[in-house]
Every structure is written in structure tokens, then in C-alpha cells.
């Protein structure tokens, strides 16, 4: 049987956030956490260094299926990884107003909240959660 890529640590999300040494990064992480909590109404779950909110069930055409977080983030050493599961194509208008960032297919990288428009980030999180709830069975 395959093992999951991350192992759940024996700590709480609050303890994990409070353990972030850099005070600015810790404050930014807490703001992002609050945005995701408001958008989902779900309690956070810590999976390794990723904090996820809500769950959805996916099934690929290949038959592979599983569960994932509706939205989540990880406070990495260099930047925040923010997971916007529907990707960014549906949000191109918001992304034009977002600010300094990089992104992949579903992962947004920001160095600090002061680099981006926080209201746009919150709107992006809200809209992505709404879209995920339309597309998938959500727990």
C-alpha cells in the first residue's frame, strides 16, 4: 500500500502558526488562515506543513479518486504557497489586480501579504471555494 506524501504531525494548527519564528510571516500566516476560515466556514487541518480547509472528493477518468482540501496554504521559508484548487483561469480579472506573485496551475506563491492586494486575495479565496462547491461533492 502506498504511503501518503506527508505525515500528520502531533500538533495543532494554532501551535504550528505560533511556531513560525519570523513575526511578519507569522502575522501574515494568521491573516491568510482567517481568510480561509471565513471563506469555508471549516476548521483547519494540518497535513505536514500544509493547512487545509474543507474537503472535496475527486475522481479522475482513470478511476483514481481521493479527497483534498477546498483551499489551503503553507508558510514556506521563502514564500507562502496558497492552493487555489480550480486554478487561475476562472479568475483572470482578479489576477490582473492581485500584485506581486508567481503561480503554477493551482499554486500561488507570494513572499508577503504587503506585496499583494489583501482584498483581492480574500476575493480569490472566496470565489475559488464557491467554484469548488459547485464542481465537487464537498464535506
N, C-alpha and C. Protein backbone atom coordinates (compact mmCIF):
# COMPACT_ATOMS: atom_id res chain seq x y z
N UNK A 1 0.85 -1.18 0.00
CA UNK A 1 0.00 0.00 0.00
C UNK A 1 0.89 1.24 0.00
N UNK A 2 0.54 2.20 -0.81
CA UNK A 2 1.33 3.44 -0.90
C UNK A 2 1.11 4.30 0.33
N UNK A 3 2.18 4.93 0.79
CA UNK A 3 2.09 5.84 1.91
C UNK A 3 1.81 7.25 1.42
N UNK A 4 1.11 8.04 2.23
CA UNK A 4 0.87 9.42 1.85
C UNK A 4 2.18 10.19 1.86
N UNK A 5 2.24 11.27 1.07
CA UNK A 5 3.47 12.05 0.95
C UNK A 5 3.79 12.83 2.20
N UNK A 6 2.79 13.23 2.94
CA UNK A 6 3.05 14.00 4.16
C UNK A 6 2.50 13.23 5.35
N UNK A 7 3.10 13.45 6.47
CA UNK A 7 2.67 12.78 7.70
C UNK A 7 2.09 13.83 8.63
N UNK A 8 0.94 13.51 9.19
CA UNK A 8 0.31 14.46 10.10
C UNK A 8 1.12 14.57 11.40
N UNK A 9 1.56 15.79 11.72
CA UNK A 9 2.33 15.96 12.94
C UNK A 9 1.42 15.98 14.17
N UNK A 10 1.99 15.73 15.30
CA UNK A 10 1.24 15.74 16.55
C UNK A 10 1.23 17.15 17.12
N UNK A 11 0.59 18.09 16.42
CA UNK A 11 0.49 19.46 16.89
C UNK A 11 -0.82 20.06 16.39
N UNK A 12 -1.17 21.19 16.91
CA UNK A 12 -2.37 21.87 16.45
C UNK A 12 -2.00 22.92 15.42
N UNK A 13 -2.99 23.38 14.66
CA UNK A 13 -2.75 24.44 13.69
C UNK A 13 -2.28 25.70 14.42
N UNK A 14 -2.92 26.03 15.53
CA UNK A 14 -2.53 27.23 16.28
C UNK A 14 -1.08 27.13 16.74
N UNK A 15 -0.69 25.98 17.25
CA UNK A 15 0.70 25.80 17.70
C UNK A 15 1.66 25.90 16.52
N UNK A 16 1.26 25.32 15.38
CA UNK A 16 2.10 25.40 14.19
C UNK A 16 2.28 26.85 13.75
N UNK A 17 1.19 27.62 13.68
CA UNK A 17 1.29 29.03 13.29
C UNK A 17 2.12 29.82 14.28
N UNK A 18 1.92 29.57 15.56
CA UNK A 18 2.68 30.28 16.59
C UNK A 18 4.16 29.92 16.61
N UNK A 19 4.51 28.79 15.99
CA UNK A 19 5.91 28.37 15.95
C UNK A 19 6.70 29.04 14.82
N UNK A 20 6.03 29.80 13.96
CA UNK A 20 6.73 30.50 12.88
C UNK A 20 7.58 31.59 13.52
N UNK A 21 8.87 31.51 13.33
CA UNK A 21 9.79 32.40 14.04
C UNK A 21 9.70 33.85 13.59
N UNK A 22 9.61 34.09 12.30
CA UNK A 22 9.56 35.45 11.78
C UNK A 22 8.20 36.06 12.11
N UNK A 23 8.19 37.16 12.85
CA UNK A 23 6.93 37.75 13.33
C UNK A 23 6.04 38.25 12.18
N UNK A 24 6.64 38.81 11.12
CA UNK A 24 5.84 39.27 9.98
C UNK A 24 5.20 38.08 9.28
N UNK A 25 5.97 37.03 9.06
CA UNK A 25 5.45 35.83 8.40
C UNK A 25 4.36 35.17 9.26
N UNK A 26 4.56 35.16 10.56
CA UNK A 26 3.57 34.60 11.47
C UNK A 26 2.26 35.39 11.40
N UNK A 27 2.36 36.72 11.40
CA UNK A 27 1.16 37.56 11.31
C UNK A 27 0.47 37.37 9.96
N UNK A 28 1.25 37.31 8.87
CA UNK A 28 0.67 37.07 7.54
C UNK A 28 -0.03 35.72 7.48
N UNK A 29 0.59 34.69 8.05
CA UNK A 29 0.01 33.35 8.05
C UNK A 29 -1.33 33.34 8.79
N UNK A 30 -1.39 34.05 9.89
CA UNK A 30 -2.64 34.11 10.65
C UNK A 30 -3.73 34.85 9.87
N UNK A 31 -3.35 35.86 9.10
CA UNK A 31 -4.33 36.57 8.27
C UNK A 31 -4.86 35.67 7.16
N UNK A 32 -3.96 34.94 6.52
CA UNK A 32 -4.38 34.01 5.46
C UNK A 32 -5.29 32.93 6.04
N UNK A 33 -4.92 32.42 7.21
CA UNK A 33 -5.74 31.40 7.87
C UNK A 33 -7.15 31.93 8.15
N UNK A 34 -7.24 33.17 8.61
CA UNK A 34 -8.55 33.76 8.90
C UNK A 34 -9.37 33.92 7.62
N UNK A 35 -8.73 34.32 6.52
CA UNK A 35 -9.43 34.46 5.24
C UNK A 35 -10.03 33.12 4.81
N UNK A 36 -9.24 32.06 4.95
CA UNK A 36 -9.69 30.74 4.52
C UNK A 36 -10.78 30.21 5.43
N UNK A 37 -10.68 30.51 6.70
CA UNK A 37 -11.72 30.08 7.64
C UNK A 37 -13.04 30.77 7.33
N UNK A 38 -12.98 32.09 7.02
CA UNK A 38 -14.21 32.81 6.67
C UNK A 38 -14.81 32.28 5.37
N UNK A 39 -13.97 31.98 4.40
CA UNK A 39 -14.46 31.52 3.09
C UNK A 39 -15.11 30.14 3.16
N UNK A 40 -14.56 29.27 3.99
CA UNK A 40 -15.04 27.89 4.03
C UNK A 40 -16.00 27.61 5.19
N UNK A 41 -15.83 28.33 6.28
CA UNK A 41 -16.58 28.01 7.49
C UNK A 41 -16.09 26.72 8.14
N UNK A 42 -14.93 26.24 7.71
CA UNK A 42 -14.38 24.97 8.19
C UNK A 42 -13.19 25.20 9.11
N UNK A 43 -13.01 24.26 10.03
CA UNK A 43 -11.84 24.28 10.89
C UNK A 43 -10.63 23.84 10.08
N UNK A 44 -9.47 24.39 10.37
CA UNK A 44 -8.26 24.00 9.63
C UNK A 44 -7.76 22.62 10.04
N UNK A 45 -7.12 21.97 9.10
CA UNK A 45 -6.49 20.67 9.34
C UNK A 45 -5.04 20.79 8.90
N UNK A 46 -4.14 20.34 9.73
CA UNK A 46 -2.71 20.39 9.44
C UNK A 46 -2.27 19.06 8.84
N UNK A 47 -1.67 19.12 7.66
CA UNK A 47 -1.16 17.93 6.99
C UNK A 47 0.30 18.22 6.64
N UNK A 48 1.20 17.81 7.48
CA UNK A 48 2.61 18.19 7.32
C UNK A 48 2.74 19.67 7.60
N UNK A 49 3.14 20.44 6.60
CA UNK A 49 3.24 21.90 6.76
C UNK A 49 2.14 22.62 5.98
N UNK A 50 1.15 21.87 5.49
CA UNK A 50 0.04 22.45 4.74
C UNK A 50 -1.18 22.54 5.64
N UNK A 51 -1.79 23.71 5.66
CA UNK A 51 -3.01 23.93 6.42
C UNK A 51 -4.16 23.94 5.42
N UNK A 52 -5.07 22.99 5.54
CA UNK A 52 -6.18 22.86 4.62
C UNK A 52 -7.51 23.17 5.27
N UNK A 53 -8.46 23.62 4.45
CA UNK A 53 -9.80 23.98 4.93
C UNK A 53 -10.84 23.29 4.07
N UNK A 54 -11.72 22.54 4.70
CA UNK A 54 -12.78 21.83 3.98
C UNK A 54 -12.20 20.69 3.16
N UNK A 55 -13.08 19.85 2.65
CA UNK A 55 -12.64 18.75 1.80
C UNK A 55 -13.59 18.56 0.63
N UNK A 56 -13.04 18.07 -0.45
CA UNK A 56 -13.85 17.69 -1.60
C UNK A 56 -13.38 16.33 -2.08
N UNK A 57 -14.26 15.63 -2.76
CA UNK A 57 -13.94 14.31 -3.30
C UNK A 57 -13.78 14.44 -4.81
N UNK A 58 -12.66 13.95 -5.33
CA UNK A 58 -12.43 13.99 -6.77
C UNK A 58 -12.30 12.56 -7.32
N UNK A 59 -12.62 12.44 -8.61
CA UNK A 59 -12.45 11.17 -9.30
C UNK A 59 -12.02 11.46 -10.73
N UNK A 60 -10.85 10.92 -11.10
CA UNK A 60 -10.33 11.12 -12.45
C UNK A 60 -10.94 10.11 -13.41
N UNK A 61 -10.85 10.39 -14.70
CA UNK A 61 -11.33 9.46 -15.72
C UNK A 61 -10.63 8.11 -15.61
N UNK A 62 -9.41 8.11 -15.12
CA UNK A 62 -8.64 6.87 -14.96
C UNK A 62 -9.22 5.97 -13.88
N UNK A 63 -10.11 6.53 -13.06
CA UNK A 63 -10.68 5.78 -11.95
C UNK A 63 -10.04 6.12 -10.62
N UNK A 64 -8.91 6.79 -10.67
CA UNK A 64 -8.25 7.21 -9.42
C UNK A 64 -9.12 8.26 -8.74
N UNK A 65 -9.26 8.13 -7.44
CA UNK A 65 -10.06 9.10 -6.70
C UNK A 65 -9.46 9.34 -5.33
N UNK A 66 -9.90 10.42 -4.70
CA UNK A 66 -9.40 10.75 -3.38
C UNK A 66 -10.07 12.00 -2.85
N UNK A 67 -9.55 12.48 -1.76
CA UNK A 67 -10.08 13.68 -1.11
C UNK A 67 -8.97 14.72 -1.01
N UNK A 68 -9.34 15.97 -1.12
CA UNK A 68 -8.39 17.06 -0.99
C UNK A 68 -9.02 18.24 -0.28
N UNK A 69 -8.21 19.20 0.08
CA UNK A 69 -8.71 20.41 0.73
C UNK A 69 -9.33 21.33 -0.30
N UNK A 70 -10.41 22.02 0.07
CA UNK A 70 -11.02 23.02 -0.80
C UNK A 70 -10.04 24.14 -1.11
N UNK A 71 -9.32 24.54 -0.09
CA UNK A 71 -8.33 25.60 -0.20
C UNK A 71 -7.33 25.38 0.93
N UNK A 72 -6.12 25.85 0.73
CA UNK A 72 -5.13 25.66 1.78
C UNK A 72 -3.90 26.52 1.51
N UNK A 73 -2.98 26.47 2.45
CA UNK A 73 -1.73 27.21 2.28
C UNK A 73 -0.63 26.59 3.13
N UNK A 74 0.59 26.95 2.78
CA UNK A 74 1.76 26.52 3.55
C UNK A 74 2.70 27.70 3.68
N UNK A 75 3.07 28.05 4.90
CA UNK A 75 4.04 29.13 5.10
C UNK A 75 5.46 28.58 4.94
N UNK A 76 5.96 28.60 3.73
CA UNK A 76 7.29 28.08 3.42
C UNK A 76 8.35 29.11 3.80
N UNK A 77 9.60 28.71 3.82
CA UNK A 77 10.70 29.61 4.22
C UNK A 77 10.78 30.84 3.32
N UNK A 78 10.70 30.66 2.01
CA UNK A 78 10.86 31.78 1.08
C UNK A 78 9.55 32.49 0.77
N UNK A 79 8.45 31.75 0.72
CA UNK A 79 7.18 32.35 0.33
C UNK A 79 6.03 31.53 0.88
N UNK A 80 4.85 32.08 0.74
CA UNK A 80 3.64 31.33 1.06
C UNK A 80 3.21 30.59 -0.20
N UNK A 81 2.84 29.34 -0.04
CA UNK A 81 2.21 28.59 -1.12
C UNK A 81 0.72 28.57 -0.78
N UNK A 82 -0.08 29.17 -1.66
CA UNK A 82 -1.52 29.23 -1.45
C UNK A 82 -2.17 28.35 -2.52
N UNK A 83 -2.95 27.37 -2.10
CA UNK A 83 -3.53 26.40 -3.01
C UNK A 83 -4.95 26.80 -3.40
N UNK A 84 -5.08 27.21 -4.66
CA UNK A 84 -6.36 27.60 -5.24
C UNK A 84 -6.73 26.47 -6.19
N UNK A 85 -7.53 25.54 -5.72
CA UNK A 85 -7.73 24.28 -6.41
C UNK A 85 -8.33 24.35 -7.81
N UNK A 86 -9.20 25.30 -8.13
CA UNK A 86 -9.70 25.33 -9.51
C UNK A 86 -8.69 25.91 -10.51
N UNK A 87 -7.55 26.37 -10.03
CA UNK A 87 -6.59 27.02 -10.89
C UNK A 87 -6.93 28.49 -11.04
N UNK A 88 -6.27 29.18 -11.97
CA UNK A 88 -6.40 30.63 -12.05
C UNK A 88 -7.13 31.14 -13.28
N UNK A 89 -7.38 30.28 -14.26
CA UNK A 89 -8.10 30.71 -15.47
C UNK A 89 -9.46 31.34 -15.16
N UNK A 90 -10.24 30.76 -14.24
CA UNK A 90 -11.55 31.38 -13.95
C UNK A 90 -11.45 32.74 -13.26
N UNK A 91 -10.26 33.10 -12.81
CA UNK A 91 -10.08 34.31 -12.02
C UNK A 91 -9.11 35.30 -12.67
N UNK A 92 -9.04 35.30 -13.98
CA UNK A 92 -8.05 36.13 -14.68
C UNK A 92 -8.23 37.62 -14.39
N UNK A 93 -9.47 38.09 -14.24
CA UNK A 93 -9.69 39.51 -13.93
C UNK A 93 -9.13 39.85 -12.55
N UNK A 94 -9.33 38.98 -11.58
CA UNK A 94 -8.79 39.21 -10.23
C UNK A 94 -7.26 39.17 -10.25
N UNK A 95 -6.70 38.26 -11.00
CA UNK A 95 -5.25 38.11 -11.01
C UNK A 95 -4.55 39.34 -11.57
N UNK A 96 -5.21 40.06 -12.46
CA UNK A 96 -4.62 41.28 -13.03
C UNK A 96 -4.45 42.36 -11.97
N UNK A 97 -5.28 42.30 -10.92
CA UNK A 97 -5.25 43.31 -9.84
C UNK A 97 -4.52 42.81 -8.59
N UNK A 98 -3.97 41.62 -8.66
CA UNK A 98 -3.50 40.94 -7.46
C UNK A 98 -2.24 41.53 -6.84
N UNK A 99 -1.23 41.79 -7.63
CA UNK A 99 0.03 42.27 -7.09
C UNK A 99 1.15 41.30 -7.39
N UNK A 100 2.27 41.48 -6.71
CA UNK A 100 3.50 40.71 -6.96
C UNK A 100 3.32 39.25 -6.52
N UNK A 101 3.45 38.35 -7.48
CA UNK A 101 3.27 36.93 -7.19
C UNK A 101 3.81 36.09 -8.34
N UNK A 102 3.84 34.81 -8.13
CA UNK A 102 4.06 33.82 -9.17
C UNK A 102 3.01 32.75 -8.95
N UNK A 103 2.68 32.01 -10.02
CA UNK A 103 1.75 30.91 -9.82
C UNK A 103 1.97 29.80 -10.83
N UNK A 104 1.58 28.60 -10.40
CA UNK A 104 1.58 27.43 -11.25
C UNK A 104 0.13 27.15 -11.62
N UNK A 105 -0.20 25.89 -11.82
CA UNK A 105 -1.56 25.56 -12.23
C UNK A 105 -2.58 25.79 -11.11
N UNK A 106 -2.23 25.45 -9.89
CA UNK A 106 -3.15 25.65 -8.75
C UNK A 106 -2.46 26.23 -7.53
N UNK A 107 -1.22 26.61 -7.67
CA UNK A 107 -0.45 27.10 -6.53
C UNK A 107 0.01 28.53 -6.77
N UNK A 108 -0.28 29.36 -5.81
CA UNK A 108 0.06 30.77 -5.85
C UNK A 108 1.21 30.99 -4.86
N UNK A 109 2.24 31.69 -5.30
CA UNK A 109 3.39 31.95 -4.44
C UNK A 109 3.48 33.44 -4.17
N UNK A 110 3.44 33.81 -2.90
CA UNK A 110 3.60 35.21 -2.52
C UNK A 110 4.63 35.28 -1.39
N UNK A 111 5.48 36.30 -1.44
CA UNK A 111 6.50 36.44 -0.41
C UNK A 111 5.93 36.98 0.89
N UNK A 112 5.08 37.98 0.77
CA UNK A 112 4.46 38.59 1.96
C UNK A 112 3.15 39.24 1.54
N UNK A 113 2.25 39.39 2.48
CA UNK A 113 0.94 39.98 2.15
C UNK A 113 1.06 41.42 1.68
N UNK A 114 2.05 42.14 2.12
CA UNK A 114 2.20 43.53 1.69
C UNK A 114 2.54 43.64 0.20
N UNK A 115 2.91 42.53 -0.44
CA UNK A 115 3.20 42.53 -1.87
C UNK A 115 1.93 42.44 -2.73
N UNK A 116 0.82 42.07 -2.12
CA UNK A 116 -0.42 41.85 -2.87
C UNK A 116 -1.56 42.66 -2.27
N UNK A 117 -2.65 42.74 -3.01
CA UNK A 117 -3.86 43.38 -2.52
C UNK A 117 -4.62 42.34 -1.68
N UNK A 118 -4.66 42.53 -0.38
CA UNK A 118 -5.29 41.56 0.51
C UNK A 118 -6.77 41.34 0.20
N UNK A 119 -7.46 42.40 -0.19
CA UNK A 119 -8.88 42.27 -0.54
C UNK A 119 -9.05 41.38 -1.76
N UNK A 120 -8.13 41.48 -2.71
CA UNK A 120 -8.19 40.64 -3.90
C UNK A 120 -7.88 39.19 -3.53
N UNK A 121 -6.92 38.98 -2.64
CA UNK A 121 -6.62 37.62 -2.18
C UNK A 121 -7.84 37.00 -1.52
N UNK A 122 -8.49 37.77 -0.67
CA UNK A 122 -9.67 37.22 0.01
C UNK A 122 -10.78 36.91 -0.99
N UNK A 123 -10.97 37.76 -1.97
CA UNK A 123 -11.97 37.53 -3.01
C UNK A 123 -11.61 36.28 -3.82
N UNK A 124 -10.33 36.12 -4.14
CA UNK A 124 -9.86 34.94 -4.87
C UNK A 124 -10.15 33.67 -4.08
N UNK A 125 -9.86 33.69 -2.81
CA UNK A 125 -10.14 32.53 -1.95
C UNK A 125 -11.64 32.25 -1.91
N UNK A 126 -12.45 33.29 -1.68
CA UNK A 126 -13.91 33.13 -1.64
C UNK A 126 -14.45 32.52 -2.93
N UNK A 127 -14.04 33.10 -4.06
CA UNK A 127 -14.55 32.66 -5.36
C UNK A 127 -14.09 31.24 -5.69
N UNK A 128 -12.87 30.90 -5.31
CA UNK A 128 -12.39 29.54 -5.59
C UNK A 128 -13.15 28.50 -4.77
N UNK A 129 -13.47 28.83 -3.53
CA UNK A 129 -14.24 27.92 -2.68
C UNK A 129 -15.65 27.75 -3.25
N UNK A 130 -16.27 28.83 -3.68
CA UNK A 130 -17.60 28.74 -4.29
C UNK A 130 -17.58 27.84 -5.52
N UNK A 131 -16.56 28.01 -6.36
CA UNK A 131 -16.45 27.20 -7.58
C UNK A 131 -16.22 25.73 -7.24
N UNK A 132 -15.40 25.45 -6.26
CA UNK A 132 -15.17 24.06 -5.85
C UNK A 132 -16.46 23.43 -5.33
N UNK A 133 -17.24 24.20 -4.61
CA UNK A 133 -18.51 23.67 -4.09
C UNK A 133 -19.52 23.41 -5.20
N UNK A 134 -19.42 24.14 -6.28
CA UNK A 134 -20.29 23.89 -7.43
C UNK A 134 -19.85 22.63 -8.20
N UNK A 135 -18.56 22.41 -8.28
CA UNK A 135 -18.00 21.34 -9.11
C UNK A 135 -17.94 19.97 -8.43
N UNK A 136 -17.79 19.95 -7.12
CA UNK A 136 -17.50 18.70 -6.43
C UNK A 136 -18.44 18.47 -5.25
N UNK A 137 -18.46 17.18 -4.85
CA UNK A 137 -19.12 16.81 -3.61
C UNK A 137 -18.23 17.27 -2.48
N UNK A 138 -18.75 18.13 -1.63
CA UNK A 138 -17.95 18.76 -0.58
C UNK A 138 -18.45 18.29 0.78
N UNK A 139 -17.48 17.95 1.64
CA UNK A 139 -17.83 17.55 3.01
C UNK A 139 -17.75 18.72 3.94
